[in-house]
Amino acid sequence: SLRRAQLTLLSTNAVSSLTTEQVAALAADRIQSLTSAQIGALTTTQLASLTTTNLSALDATQMGALSTTQVRSLSASQVTGLTATDVAELTADQIGALTQTQAQGLTSTNLGDLADTQIQAFATTALRALSTTNFASLDETQLAALTTTQITSLTNSQLNAAVERVGRGESPPPLPESGPSAIARLHRAVNGMAASLRQLRRCSATPRRPSLCGPNGSSW
């Protein structure tokens, strides 16, 4: 196979002309030697031949060099094989390019390090594709980063996961109380429950000042 020094000399046309067998045969250290331009020249067919080990070998600069078309071409198994660090290196545009199938391949582990801007970049279709377990794994900061459009698009099971978090004493972001009447009523109920539980916790934390709370822990 080509040595690292030889690989760096290949033009982008030469890189895109490599057979899938040649690309698949590249060891992780050979993949790491490719320039950003060479990474960007890989065809979707060539990318499909890469193993999860080879994909994980890409550094942040190389990962960022992947076009949105290239990102969309990755299989669900390739996406699942990405580490938390790999996923955290994706740009907002790359996150926004993820398909429903790819989003289904994400795990709670590789969702854990996503920044607010990356969370907000999720297309609503991709966000809805997250399993209830994976959606429930998002921390409070990540949930608070969701846009109104994203929150409105959540599935019933994802909303139920948010309700369960309220029941456990956590504070997911307020849900928008506009939109279709049925959704608005549900959102108001969740928001009201969250507000009541927050008030109860405040009252429980100040037992020597009962005047701050009314019956059942409500504020006077």
N, C-alpha and C. Protein backbone atom coordinates (compact mmCIF):
# COMPACT_ATOMS: atom_id res chain seq x y z
N SER A 1 0.83 -1.19 0.00
CA SER A 1 0.00 0.00 0.00
C SER A 1 0.87 1.25 0.00
N LEU A 2 0.26 2.38 -0.33
CA LEU A 2 1.00 3.64 -0.39
C LEU A 2 1.47 4.05 1.00
N ARG A 3 2.69 4.59 1.04
CA ARG A 3 3.21 5.11 2.30
C ARG A 3 2.57 6.47 2.57
N ARG A 4 2.66 6.92 3.82
CA ARG A 4 2.04 8.19 4.21
C ARG A 4 2.56 9.34 3.37
N ALA A 5 3.86 9.40 3.14
CA ALA A 5 4.45 10.48 2.36
C ALA A 5 3.92 10.47 0.92
N GLN A 6 3.69 9.28 0.40
CA GLN A 6 3.17 9.17 -0.97
C GLN A 6 1.71 9.63 -1.04
N LEU A 7 0.95 9.29 -0.03
CA LEU A 7 -0.47 9.66 -0.01
C LEU A 7 -0.65 11.18 -0.05
N THR A 8 0.16 11.89 0.71
CA THR A 8 0.02 13.35 0.77
C THR A 8 0.33 14.02 -0.57
N LEU A 9 1.04 13.31 -1.46
CA LEU A 9 1.40 13.86 -2.77
C LEU A 9 0.30 13.66 -3.80
N LEU A 10 -0.69 12.84 -3.50
CA LEU A 10 -1.75 12.57 -4.46
C LEU A 10 -2.63 13.80 -4.64
N SER A 11 -2.98 14.10 -5.88
CA SER A 11 -3.90 15.20 -6.15
C SER A 11 -5.31 14.77 -5.73
N THR A 12 -6.21 15.75 -5.63
CA THR A 12 -7.59 15.40 -5.25
C THR A 12 -8.23 14.49 -6.31
N ASN A 13 -7.86 14.72 -7.58
CA ASN A 13 -8.39 13.85 -8.64
C ASN A 13 -7.88 12.41 -8.47
N ALA A 14 -6.62 12.30 -8.08
CA ALA A 14 -6.04 10.97 -7.88
C ALA A 14 -6.71 10.27 -6.70
N VAL A 15 -7.00 11.04 -5.66
CA VAL A 15 -7.65 10.46 -4.49
C VAL A 15 -9.05 9.94 -4.85
N SER A 16 -9.80 10.76 -5.58
CA SER A 16 -11.16 10.35 -5.93
C SER A 16 -11.17 9.20 -6.94
N SER A 17 -10.01 8.93 -7.54
CA SER A 17 -9.90 7.82 -8.50
C SER A 17 -9.51 6.50 -7.85
N LEU A 18 -9.14 6.53 -6.59
CA LEU A 18 -8.79 5.29 -5.89
C LEU A 18 -10.00 4.37 -5.85
N THR A 19 -9.76 3.08 -5.98
CA THR A 19 -10.86 2.13 -5.90
C THR A 19 -11.32 1.99 -4.45
N THR A 20 -12.52 1.48 -4.27
CA THR A 20 -13.02 1.29 -2.91
C THR A 20 -12.15 0.29 -2.15
N GLU A 21 -11.62 -0.67 -2.89
CA GLU A 21 -10.73 -1.66 -2.26
C GLU A 21 -9.47 -0.98 -1.73
N GLN A 22 -8.93 -0.04 -2.52
CA GLN A 22 -7.73 0.66 -2.09
C GLN A 22 -8.01 1.53 -0.87
N VAL A 23 -9.15 2.20 -0.88
CA VAL A 23 -9.50 3.07 0.24
C VAL A 23 -9.76 2.22 1.49
N ALA A 24 -10.49 1.12 1.32
CA ALA A 24 -10.80 0.26 2.46
C ALA A 24 -9.55 -0.36 3.06
N ALA A 25 -8.51 -0.52 2.24
CA ALA A 25 -7.28 -1.15 2.71
C ALA A 25 -6.36 -0.19 3.46
N LEU A 26 -6.69 1.10 3.42
CA LEU A 26 -5.84 2.08 4.10
C LEU A 26 -5.93 1.89 5.61
N ALA A 27 -4.79 1.83 6.25
CA ALA A 27 -4.76 1.72 7.70
C ALA A 27 -5.12 3.07 8.32
N ALA A 28 -5.46 3.06 9.60
CA ALA A 28 -5.87 4.29 10.28
C ALA A 28 -4.80 5.37 10.18
N ASP A 29 -3.52 5.00 10.30
CA ASP A 29 -2.46 6.00 10.25
C ASP A 29 -2.32 6.59 8.85
N ARG A 30 -2.72 5.81 7.82
CA ARG A 30 -2.70 6.35 6.45
C ARG A 30 -3.84 7.35 6.26
N ILE A 31 -4.99 7.03 6.83
CA ILE A 31 -6.14 7.93 6.76
C ILE A 31 -5.78 9.27 7.42
N GLN A 32 -5.09 9.20 8.53
CA GLN A 32 -4.72 10.41 9.26
C GLN A 32 -3.77 11.31 8.48
N SER A 33 -3.10 10.75 7.48
CA SER A 33 -2.13 11.54 6.71
C SER A 33 -2.80 12.32 5.58
N LEU A 34 -4.07 12.03 5.29
CA LEU A 34 -4.76 12.74 4.21
C LEU A 34 -5.02 14.19 4.59
N THR A 35 -4.87 15.08 3.62
CA THR A 35 -5.12 16.50 3.88
C THR A 35 -6.63 16.76 3.85
N SER A 36 -7.02 17.94 4.30
CA SER A 36 -8.44 18.30 4.27
C SER A 36 -8.99 18.27 2.85
N ALA A 37 -8.18 18.75 1.90
CA ALA A 37 -8.61 18.75 0.50
C ALA A 37 -8.82 17.33 -0.01
N GLN A 38 -7.93 16.43 0.39
CA GLN A 38 -8.05 15.03 -0.03
C GLN A 38 -9.28 14.38 0.61
N ILE A 39 -9.53 14.69 1.87
CA ILE A 39 -10.73 14.16 2.54
C ILE A 39 -11.98 14.65 1.82
N GLY A 40 -11.99 15.92 1.46
CA GLY A 40 -13.13 16.48 0.76
C GLY A 40 -13.33 15.92 -0.63
N ALA A 41 -12.27 15.30 -1.20
CA ALA A 41 -12.33 14.74 -2.54
C ALA A 41 -12.85 13.31 -2.55
N LEU A 42 -12.95 12.67 -1.39
CA LEU A 42 -13.44 11.30 -1.34
C LEU A 42 -14.88 11.22 -1.83
N THR A 43 -15.16 10.25 -2.65
CA THR A 43 -16.53 10.09 -3.14
C THR A 43 -17.38 9.40 -2.07
N THR A 44 -18.68 9.49 -2.24
CA THR A 44 -19.57 8.84 -1.28
C THR A 44 -19.37 7.33 -1.28
N THR A 45 -19.04 6.77 -2.44
CA THR A 45 -18.78 5.33 -2.52
C THR A 45 -17.51 4.97 -1.75
N GLN A 46 -16.49 5.82 -1.88
CA GLN A 46 -15.25 5.58 -1.15
C GLN A 46 -15.49 5.67 0.35
N LEU A 47 -16.27 6.66 0.78
CA LEU A 47 -16.55 6.82 2.20
C LEU A 47 -17.29 5.60 2.75
N ALA A 48 -18.17 5.06 1.94
CA ALA A 48 -18.94 3.89 2.38
C ALA A 48 -18.05 2.70 2.65
N SER A 49 -16.86 2.69 2.05
CA SER A 49 -15.96 1.55 2.24
C SER A 49 -15.09 1.69 3.49
N LEU A 50 -15.13 2.85 4.12
CA LEU A 50 -14.32 3.06 5.32
C LEU A 50 -14.93 2.36 6.52
N THR A 51 -14.10 1.80 7.34
CA THR A 51 -14.56 1.17 8.57
C THR A 51 -14.77 2.24 9.64
N THR A 52 -15.49 1.87 10.70
CA THR A 52 -15.69 2.83 11.79
C THR A 52 -14.36 3.20 12.44
N THR A 53 -13.42 2.26 12.43
CA THR A 53 -12.09 2.55 12.98
C THR A 53 -11.39 3.63 12.17
N ASN A 54 -11.49 3.53 10.84
CA ASN A 54 -10.86 4.53 9.98
C ASN A 54 -11.54 5.89 10.13
N LEU A 55 -12.86 5.89 10.23
CA LEU A 55 -13.57 7.16 10.41
C LEU A 55 -13.19 7.82 11.73
N SER A 56 -13.07 7.02 12.77
CA SER A 56 -12.71 7.56 14.08
C SER A 56 -11.28 8.06 14.12
N ALA A 57 -10.48 7.61 13.15
CA ALA A 57 -9.08 8.06 13.09
C ALA A 57 -8.97 9.49 12.59
N LEU A 58 -10.04 10.00 11.94
CA LEU A 58 -9.99 11.38 11.43
C LEU A 58 -9.90 12.36 12.59
N ASP A 59 -9.03 13.36 12.44
CA ASP A 59 -8.96 14.39 13.49
C ASP A 59 -10.02 15.45 13.24
N ALA A 60 -10.08 16.45 14.12
CA ALA A 60 -11.13 17.47 14.03
C ALA A 60 -11.10 18.22 12.70
N THR A 61 -9.90 18.53 12.20
CA THR A 61 -9.77 19.25 10.93
C THR A 61 -10.27 18.40 9.78
N GLN A 62 -9.90 17.13 9.78
CA GLN A 62 -10.34 16.23 8.72
C GLN A 62 -11.86 16.01 8.78
N MET A 63 -12.39 15.83 9.99
CA MET A 63 -13.83 15.63 10.16
C MET A 63 -14.58 16.86 9.64
N GLY A 64 -14.03 18.04 9.94
CA GLY A 64 -14.67 19.27 9.49
C GLY A 64 -14.61 19.47 7.99
N ALA A 65 -13.70 18.74 7.32
CA ALA A 65 -13.54 18.87 5.88
C ALA A 65 -14.59 18.09 5.10
N LEU A 66 -15.32 17.21 5.80
CA LEU A 66 -16.36 16.45 5.11
C LEU A 66 -17.51 17.37 4.72
N SER A 67 -17.94 17.28 3.48
CA SER A 67 -19.06 18.10 3.03
C SER A 67 -20.36 17.53 3.60
N THR A 68 -21.42 18.33 3.55
CA THR A 68 -22.71 17.83 4.04
C THR A 68 -23.18 16.64 3.20
N THR A 69 -22.85 16.64 1.92
CA THR A 69 -23.21 15.50 1.06
C THR A 69 -22.47 14.25 1.52
N GLN A 70 -21.20 14.40 1.85
CA GLN A 70 -20.43 13.26 2.35
C GLN A 70 -20.99 12.75 3.67
N VAL A 71 -21.35 13.68 4.56
CA VAL A 71 -21.90 13.29 5.86
C VAL A 71 -23.19 12.51 5.67
N ARG A 72 -24.06 13.00 4.78
CA ARG A 72 -25.34 12.33 4.55
C ARG A 72 -25.16 10.93 3.97
N SER A 73 -24.02 10.68 3.33
CA SER A 73 -23.79 9.38 2.70
C SER A 73 -23.33 8.31 3.68
N LEU A 74 -22.94 8.72 4.89
CA LEU A 74 -22.48 7.74 5.88
C LEU A 74 -23.64 6.83 6.29
N SER A 75 -23.34 5.57 6.50
CA SER A 75 -24.38 4.63 6.90
C SER A 75 -24.69 4.80 8.38
N ALA A 76 -25.84 4.27 8.79
CA ALA A 76 -26.22 4.35 10.20
C ALA A 76 -25.19 3.65 11.08
N SER A 77 -24.64 2.53 10.59
CA SER A 77 -23.65 1.81 11.38
C SER A 77 -22.35 2.60 11.51
N GLN A 78 -22.00 3.35 10.47
CA GLN A 78 -20.80 4.19 10.55
C GLN A 78 -21.01 5.31 11.57
N VAL A 79 -22.21 5.89 11.57
CA VAL A 79 -22.52 6.95 12.53
C VAL A 79 -22.52 6.39 13.95
N THR A 80 -23.10 5.22 14.13
CA THR A 80 -23.14 4.59 15.44
C THR A 80 -21.73 4.33 15.96
N GLY A 81 -20.83 4.03 15.04
CA GLY A 81 -19.45 3.72 15.44
C GLY A 81 -18.62 4.92 15.81
N LEU A 82 -19.13 6.13 15.56
CA LEU A 82 -18.39 7.34 15.92
C LEU A 82 -18.36 7.48 17.44
N THR A 83 -17.25 7.94 17.96
CA THR A 83 -17.14 8.17 19.40
C THR A 83 -17.78 9.51 19.75
N ALA A 84 -17.94 9.76 21.04
CA ALA A 84 -18.47 11.05 21.49
C ALA A 84 -17.59 12.20 21.01
N THR A 85 -16.29 11.98 21.00
CA THR A 85 -15.35 13.00 20.53
C THR A 85 -15.55 13.25 19.04
N ASP A 86 -15.73 12.18 18.26
CA ASP A 86 -15.95 12.33 16.82
C ASP A 86 -17.19 13.17 16.55
N VAL A 87 -18.29 12.84 17.21
CA VAL A 87 -19.54 13.56 16.97
C VAL A 87 -19.42 15.01 17.41
N ALA A 88 -18.70 15.24 18.52
CA ALA A 88 -18.51 16.61 19.01
C ALA A 88 -17.69 17.45 18.04
N GLU A 89 -16.93 16.80 17.15
CA GLU A 89 -16.12 17.52 16.17
C GLU A 89 -16.91 17.92 14.93
N LEU A 90 -18.13 17.41 14.78
CA LEU A 90 -18.94 17.76 13.63
C LEU A 90 -19.38 19.22 13.73
N THR A 91 -19.41 19.90 12.60
CA THR A 91 -19.86 21.29 12.58
C THR A 91 -21.39 21.33 12.66
N ALA A 92 -21.92 22.52 12.92
CA ALA A 92 -23.37 22.68 12.97
C ALA A 92 -24.00 22.30 11.63
N ASP A 93 -23.35 22.67 10.52
CA ASP A 93 -23.87 22.33 9.19
C ASP A 93 -23.89 20.81 9.00
N GLN A 94 -22.86 20.13 9.48
CA GLN A 94 -22.80 18.67 9.35
C GLN A 94 -23.89 18.01 10.20
N ILE A 95 -24.10 18.53 11.41
CA ILE A 95 -25.17 18.00 12.26
C ILE A 95 -26.52 18.22 11.57
N GLY A 96 -26.69 19.38 10.99
CA GLY A 96 -27.94 19.69 10.30
C GLY A 96 -28.19 18.82 9.09
N ALA A 97 -27.13 18.20 8.56
CA ALA A 97 -27.26 17.35 7.37
C ALA A 97 -27.62 15.92 7.72
N LEU A 98 -27.57 15.56 9.00
CA LEU A 98 -27.86 14.18 9.39
C LEU A 98 -29.28 13.79 9.01
N THR A 99 -29.43 12.61 8.47
CA THR A 99 -30.74 12.11 8.07
C THR A 99 -31.44 11.44 9.25
N GLN A 100 -32.71 11.10 9.07
CA GLN A 100 -33.44 10.40 10.11
C GLN A 100 -32.77 9.07 10.45
N THR A 101 -32.37 8.35 9.42
CA THR A 101 -31.74 7.04 9.63
C THR A 101 -30.44 7.19 10.40
N GLN A 102 -29.65 8.21 10.07
CA GLN A 102 -28.39 8.44 10.78
C GLN A 102 -28.66 8.83 12.23
N ALA A 103 -29.67 9.67 12.46
CA ALA A 103 -30.01 10.09 13.82
C ALA A 103 -30.41 8.89 14.67
N GLN A 104 -31.09 7.93 14.05
CA GLN A 104 -31.47 6.71 14.76
C GLN A 104 -30.23 5.91 15.18
N GLY A 105 -29.13 6.12 14.44
CA GLY A 105 -27.89 5.41 14.75
C GLY A 105 -27.09 6.06 15.86
N LEU A 106 -27.45 7.28 16.26
CA LEU A 106 -26.74 7.95 17.34
C LEU A 106 -27.06 7.27 18.68
N THR A 107 -26.10 7.26 19.55
CA THR A 107 -26.30 6.66 20.88
C THR A 107 -26.25 7.74 21.95
N SER A 108 -26.70 7.39 23.15
CA SER A 108 -26.66 8.35 24.25
C SER A 108 -25.22 8.75 24.55
N THR A 109 -24.28 7.84 24.29
CA THR A 109 -22.87 8.13 24.54
C THR A 109 -22.35 9.21 23.60
N ASN A 110 -22.62 9.06 22.28
CA ASN A 110 -22.06 10.06 21.37
C ASN A 110 -22.91 11.32 21.24
N LEU A 111 -24.03 11.38 21.95
CA LEU A 111 -24.80 12.62 22.03
C LEU A 111 -24.33 13.49 23.20
N GLY A 112 -23.65 12.86 24.15
CA GLY A 112 -23.35 13.51 25.41
C GLY A 112 -22.50 14.77 25.34
N ASP A 113 -21.61 14.88 24.35
CA ASP A 113 -20.69 16.02 24.29
C ASP A 113 -21.12 17.10 23.30
N LEU A 114 -22.34 16.99 22.76
CA LEU A 114 -22.77 18.00 21.79
C LEU A 114 -22.99 19.35 22.46
N ALA A 115 -22.51 20.40 21.81
CA ALA A 115 -22.67 21.76 22.33
C ALA A 115 -24.06 22.29 21.96
N ASP A 116 -24.43 23.42 22.57
CA ASP A 116 -25.74 24.02 22.33
C ASP A 116 -25.97 24.27 20.84
N THR A 117 -24.96 24.83 20.16
CA THR A 117 -25.13 25.16 18.74
C THR A 117 -25.33 23.92 17.90
N GLN A 118 -24.74 22.81 18.31
CA GLN A 118 -24.94 21.55 17.58
C GLN A 118 -26.34 21.00 17.81
N ILE A 119 -26.82 21.08 19.05
CA ILE A 119 -28.18 20.64 19.36
C ILE A 119 -29.18 21.44 18.53
N GLN A 120 -28.98 22.74 18.47
CA GLN A 120 -29.90 23.60 17.73
C GLN A 120 -29.85 23.37 16.22
N ALA A 121 -28.77 22.75 15.76
CA ALA A 121 -28.60 22.51 14.32
C ALA A 121 -29.37 21.28 13.84
N PHE A 122 -29.83 20.44 14.74
CA PHE A 122 -30.57 19.24 14.34
C PHE A 122 -31.81 19.63 13.55
N ALA A 123 -31.99 19.01 12.40
CA ALA A 123 -33.24 19.16 11.67
C ALA A 123 -34.35 18.52 12.50
N THR A 124 -35.56 19.05 12.42
CA THR A 124 -36.65 18.51 13.23
C THR A 124 -36.90 17.04 12.92
N THR A 125 -36.74 16.65 11.66
CA THR A 125 -36.96 15.24 11.29
C THR A 125 -35.91 14.34 11.95
N ALA A 126 -34.67 14.82 12.02
CA ALA A 126 -33.61 14.04 12.66
C ALA A 126 -33.82 13.98 14.17
N LEU A 127 -34.25 15.11 14.75
CA LEU A 127 -34.48 15.16 16.20
C LEU A 127 -35.60 14.19 16.59
N ARG A 128 -36.66 14.17 15.80
CA ARG A 128 -37.77 13.26 16.07
C ARG A 128 -37.35 11.80 15.95
N ALA A 129 -36.31 11.55 15.17
CA ALA A 129 -35.85 10.18 14.95
C ALA A 129 -35.04 9.63 16.12
N LEU A 130 -34.62 10.51 17.04
CA LEU A 130 -33.89 10.03 18.21
C LEU A 130 -34.80 9.14 19.05
N SER A 131 -34.28 8.04 19.49
CA SER A 131 -35.10 7.16 20.34
C SER A 131 -35.43 7.90 21.64
N THR A 132 -36.50 7.46 22.29
CA THR A 132 -36.89 8.09 23.54
C THR A 132 -35.77 8.02 24.57
N THR A 133 -35.09 6.88 24.60
CA THR A 133 -33.97 6.71 25.54
C THR A 133 -32.86 7.69 25.26
N ASN A 134 -32.51 7.85 23.99
CA ASN A 134 -31.43 8.77 23.63
C ASN A 134 -31.84 10.22 23.86
N PHE A 135 -33.09 10.54 23.56
CA PHE A 135 -33.56 11.91 23.82
C PHE A 135 -33.53 12.20 25.31
N ALA A 136 -33.94 11.21 26.11
CA ALA A 136 -33.97 11.40 27.56
C ALA A 136 -32.56 11.52 28.15
N SER A 137 -31.55 11.09 27.38
CA SER A 137 -30.17 11.17 27.88
C SER A 137 -29.58 12.57 27.76
N LEU A 138 -30.23 13.46 27.00
CA LEU A 138 -29.74 14.83 26.87
C LEU A 138 -29.78 15.50 28.24
N ASP A 139 -28.73 16.25 28.56
CA ASP A 139 -28.73 16.89 29.88
C ASP A 139 -29.55 18.18 29.83
N GLU A 140 -29.70 18.82 30.99
CA GLU A 140 -30.57 19.99 31.09
C GLU A 140 -30.08 21.14 30.20
N THR A 141 -28.77 21.30 30.09
CA THR A 141 -28.22 22.36 29.25
C THR A 141 -28.56 22.10 27.78
N GLN A 142 -28.45 20.86 27.36
CA GLN A 142 -28.78 20.52 25.97
C GLN A 142 -30.27 20.70 25.71
N LEU A 143 -31.11 20.27 26.65
CA LEU A 143 -32.55 20.44 26.48
C LEU A 143 -32.93 21.92 26.43
N ALA A 144 -32.26 22.72 27.26
CA ALA A 144 -32.55 24.15 27.28
C ALA A 144 -32.15 24.83 25.98
N ALA A 145 -31.26 24.20 25.21
CA ALA A 145 -30.79 24.79 23.95
C ALA A 145 -31.77 24.55 22.81
N LEU A 146 -32.73 23.64 22.98
CA LEU A 146 -33.67 23.35 21.90
C LEU A 146 -34.45 24.59 21.52
N THR A 147 -34.64 24.77 20.23
CA THR A 147 -35.39 25.92 19.75
C THR A 147 -36.89 25.64 19.88
N THR A 148 -37.69 26.69 19.77
CA THR A 148 -39.15 26.53 19.84
C THR A 148 -39.64 25.58 18.75
N THR A 149 -39.08 25.71 17.55
CA THR A 149 -39.47 24.84 16.44
C THR A 149 -39.13 23.39 16.75
N GLN A 150 -37.98 23.16 17.33
CA GLN A 150 -37.58 21.79 17.68
C GLN A 150 -38.50 21.21 18.75
N ILE A 151 -38.79 22.00 19.77
CA ILE A 151 -39.64 21.53 20.87
C ILE A 151 -41.03 21.18 20.36
N THR A 152 -41.57 22.04 19.50
CA THR A 152 -42.90 21.81 18.95
C THR A 152 -42.96 20.54 18.11
N SER A 153 -41.81 20.14 17.54
CA SER A 153 -41.78 18.98 16.65
C SER A 153 -41.59 17.66 17.39
N LEU A 154 -41.33 17.69 18.70
CA LEU A 154 -41.03 16.47 19.45
C LEU A 154 -42.18 15.48 19.39
N THR A 155 -41.84 14.21 19.41
CA THR A 155 -42.86 13.16 19.41
C THR A 155 -43.51 13.07 20.79
N ASN A 156 -44.64 12.39 20.86
CA ASN A 156 -45.31 12.22 22.15
C ASN A 156 -44.42 11.49 23.15
N SER A 157 -43.68 10.48 22.66
CA SER A 157 -42.81 9.72 23.58
C SER A 157 -41.67 10.59 24.09
N GLN A 158 -41.17 11.49 23.24
CA GLN A 158 -40.11 12.40 23.69
C GLN A 158 -40.66 13.40 24.71
N LEU A 159 -41.89 13.88 24.47
CA LEU A 159 -42.52 14.78 25.43
C LEU A 159 -42.76 14.07 26.76
N ASN A 160 -43.18 12.80 26.67
CA ASN A 160 -43.39 12.03 27.90
C ASN A 160 -42.09 11.88 28.68
N ALA A 161 -40.99 11.75 27.95
CA ALA A 161 -39.68 11.65 28.61
C ALA A 161 -39.38 12.94 29.36
N ALA A 162 -39.77 14.08 28.75
CA ALA A 162 -39.57 15.37 29.42
C ALA A 162 -40.43 15.46 30.68
N VAL A 163 -41.68 14.94 30.58
CA VAL A 163 -42.57 14.95 31.73
C VAL A 163 -41.99 14.11 32.86
N GLU A 164 -41.45 12.95 32.52
CA GLU A 164 -40.86 12.07 33.53
C GLU A 164 -39.68 12.75 34.22
N ARG A 165 -38.92 13.54 33.46
CA ARG A 165 -37.79 14.24 34.06
C ARG A 165 -38.28 15.28 35.05
N VAL A 166 -39.42 15.93 34.72
CA VAL A 166 -40.01 16.88 35.66
C VAL A 166 -40.40 16.15 36.94
N GLY A 167 -40.98 14.94 36.77
CA GLY A 167 -41.40 14.16 37.92
C GLY A 167 -40.23 13.75 38.80
N ARG A 168 -39.05 13.63 38.21
CA ARG A 168 -37.86 13.26 38.98
C ARG A 168 -37.20 14.48 39.61
N GLY A 169 -37.80 15.66 39.39
CA GLY A 169 -37.25 16.86 40.00
C GLY A 169 -36.31 17.63 39.12
N GLU A 170 -36.16 17.24 37.85
CA GLU A 170 -35.30 17.96 36.94
C GLU A 170 -36.09 19.11 36.30
N SER A 171 -35.38 20.00 35.62
CA SER A 171 -36.03 21.18 35.06
C SER A 171 -35.75 21.32 33.56
N PRO A 172 -36.48 20.57 32.73
CA PRO A 172 -36.30 20.75 31.30
C PRO A 172 -36.80 22.12 30.88
N PRO A 173 -36.45 22.59 29.69
CA PRO A 173 -36.83 23.94 29.26
C PRO A 173 -38.34 24.07 29.12
N PRO A 174 -38.89 25.29 29.32
CA PRO A 174 -40.33 25.50 29.13
C PRO A 174 -40.74 25.17 27.71
N LEU A 175 -41.87 24.52 27.57
CA LEU A 175 -42.39 24.20 26.25
C LEU A 175 -43.20 25.37 25.72
N PRO A 176 -43.18 25.63 24.40
CA PRO A 176 -43.95 26.73 23.84
C PRO A 176 -45.44 26.45 23.98
N GLU A 177 -46.21 27.46 24.41
CA GLU A 177 -47.63 27.26 24.67
C GLU A 177 -48.50 27.79 23.53
N SER A 178 -47.92 27.86 22.34
CA SER A 178 -48.67 28.27 21.16
C SER A 178 -48.79 27.07 20.24
N GLY A 179 -49.49 27.23 19.14
CA GLY A 179 -49.63 26.15 18.19
C GLY A 179 -50.98 25.47 18.32
N PRO A 180 -51.13 24.27 17.76
CA PRO A 180 -52.41 23.54 17.83
C PRO A 180 -52.89 23.42 19.27
N SER A 181 -54.21 23.54 19.47
CA SER A 181 -54.77 23.61 20.83
C SER A 181 -54.40 22.42 21.69
N ALA A 182 -54.43 21.21 21.11
CA ALA A 182 -54.13 20.01 21.90
C ALA A 182 -52.68 20.04 22.39
N ILE A 183 -51.77 20.44 21.50
CA ILE A 183 -50.35 20.52 21.88
C ILE A 183 -50.14 21.63 22.90
N ALA A 184 -50.81 22.77 22.68
CA ALA A 184 -50.67 23.90 23.60
C ALA A 184 -51.14 23.52 25.00
N ARG A 185 -52.26 22.78 25.09
CA ARG A 185 -52.77 22.36 26.41
C ARG A 185 -51.78 21.43 27.10
N LEU A 186 -51.20 20.50 26.34
CA LEU A 186 -50.22 19.59 26.91
C LEU A 186 -49.00 20.34 27.40
N HIS A 187 -48.52 21.30 26.59
CA HIS A 187 -47.35 22.07 26.96
C HIS A 187 -47.62 22.90 28.21
N ARG A 188 -48.82 23.49 28.31
CA ARG A 188 -49.15 24.29 29.49
C ARG A 188 -49.18 23.40 30.74
N ALA A 189 -49.70 22.18 30.58
CA ALA A 189 -49.77 21.26 31.72
C ALA A 189 -48.37 20.88 32.20
N VAL A 190 -47.48 20.59 31.24
CA VAL A 190 -46.10 20.24 31.60
C VAL A 190 -45.40 21.42 32.27
N ASN A 191 -45.58 22.61 31.69
CA ASN A 191 -44.95 23.81 32.26
C ASN A 191 -45.48 24.09 33.67
N GLY A 192 -46.80 23.89 33.86
CA GLY A 192 -47.38 24.11 35.17
C GLY A 192 -46.86 23.12 36.19
N MET A 193 -46.72 21.86 35.77
CA MET A 193 -46.19 20.83 36.66
C MET A 193 -44.76 21.17 37.07
N ALA A 194 -43.97 21.59 36.09
CA ALA A 194 -42.57 21.93 36.37
C ALA A 194 -42.49 23.10 37.34
N ALA A 195 -43.34 24.12 37.14
CA ALA A 195 -43.33 25.29 38.01
C ALA A 195 -43.73 24.92 39.43
N SER A 196 -44.75 24.05 39.55
CA SER A 196 -45.20 23.62 40.88
C SER A 196 -44.12 22.85 41.61
N LEU A 197 -43.46 21.95 40.91
CA LEU A 197 -42.41 21.16 41.54
C LEU A 197 -41.22 22.02 41.95
N ARG A 198 -40.90 23.02 41.10
CA ARG A 198 -39.81 23.93 41.48
C ARG A 198 -40.16 24.69 42.76
N GLN A 199 -41.44 25.12 42.86
CA GLN A 199 -41.87 25.85 44.04
C GLN A 199 -41.85 24.95 45.28
N LEU A 200 -42.26 23.71 45.12
CA LEU A 200 -42.23 22.77 46.23
C LEU A 200 -40.81 22.55 46.72
N ARG A 201 -39.88 22.46 45.79
CA ARG A 201 -38.48 22.27 46.19
C ARG A 201 -37.96 23.50 46.94
N ARG A 202 -38.37 24.69 46.49
CA ARG A 202 -37.93 25.91 47.18
C ARG A 202 -38.51 25.95 48.60
N CYS A 203 -39.78 25.54 48.73
CA CYS A 203 -40.40 25.54 50.05
C CYS A 203 -39.75 24.51 50.97
N SER A 204 -39.45 23.34 50.41
CA SER A 204 -38.81 22.29 51.20
C SER A 204 -37.42 22.71 51.65
N ALA A 205 -36.79 23.55 50.86
CA ALA A 205 -35.43 23.99 51.19
C ALA A 205 -35.42 25.07 52.26
N THR A 206 -36.60 25.66 52.54
CA THR A 206 -36.67 26.73 53.54
C THR A 206 -37.77 26.40 54.56
N PRO A 207 -37.66 25.28 55.29
CA PRO A 207 -38.71 24.85 56.22
C PRO A 207 -38.95 25.83 57.35
N ARG A 208 -37.98 26.68 57.66
CA ARG A 208 -38.15 27.62 58.76
C ARG A 208 -38.86 28.90 58.34
N ARG A 209 -39.21 28.97 57.08
CA ARG A 209 -39.91 30.17 56.60
C ARG A 209 -41.20 29.75 55.92
N PRO A 210 -42.14 29.16 56.66
CA PRO A 210 -43.39 28.68 56.08
C PRO A 210 -44.22 29.79 55.47
N SER A 211 -43.98 31.03 55.88
CA SER A 211 -44.77 32.13 55.34
C SER A 211 -44.53 32.34 53.86
N LEU A 212 -43.42 31.76 53.35
CA LEU A 212 -43.12 31.91 51.91
C LEU A 212 -44.02 31.03 51.07
N CYS A 213 -44.66 30.01 51.70
CA CYS A 213 -45.43 29.04 50.94
C CYS A 213 -46.85 28.96 51.47
N GLY A 214 -47.76 28.76 50.56
CA GLY A 214 -49.15 28.57 50.93
C GLY A 214 -49.45 27.08 51.07
N PRO A 215 -50.73 26.72 51.11
CA PRO A 215 -51.09 25.31 51.19
C PRO A 215 -50.49 24.53 50.03
N ASN A 216 -50.07 23.31 50.33
CA ASN A 216 -49.48 22.43 49.31
C ASN A 216 -48.22 22.99 48.66
N GLY A 217 -47.59 23.95 49.35
CA GLY A 217 -46.33 24.46 48.84
C GLY A 217 -46.44 25.57 47.86
N SER A 218 -47.64 26.07 47.58
CA SER A 218 -47.78 27.14 46.59
C SER A 218 -47.37 28.46 47.19
N SER A 219 -46.99 29.41 46.34
CA SER A 219 -46.58 30.73 46.83
C SER A 219 -47.80 31.53 47.24
N TRP A 220 -47.59 32.32 48.29
CA TRP A 220 -48.68 33.24 48.66
C TRP A 220 -48.72 34.37 47.69
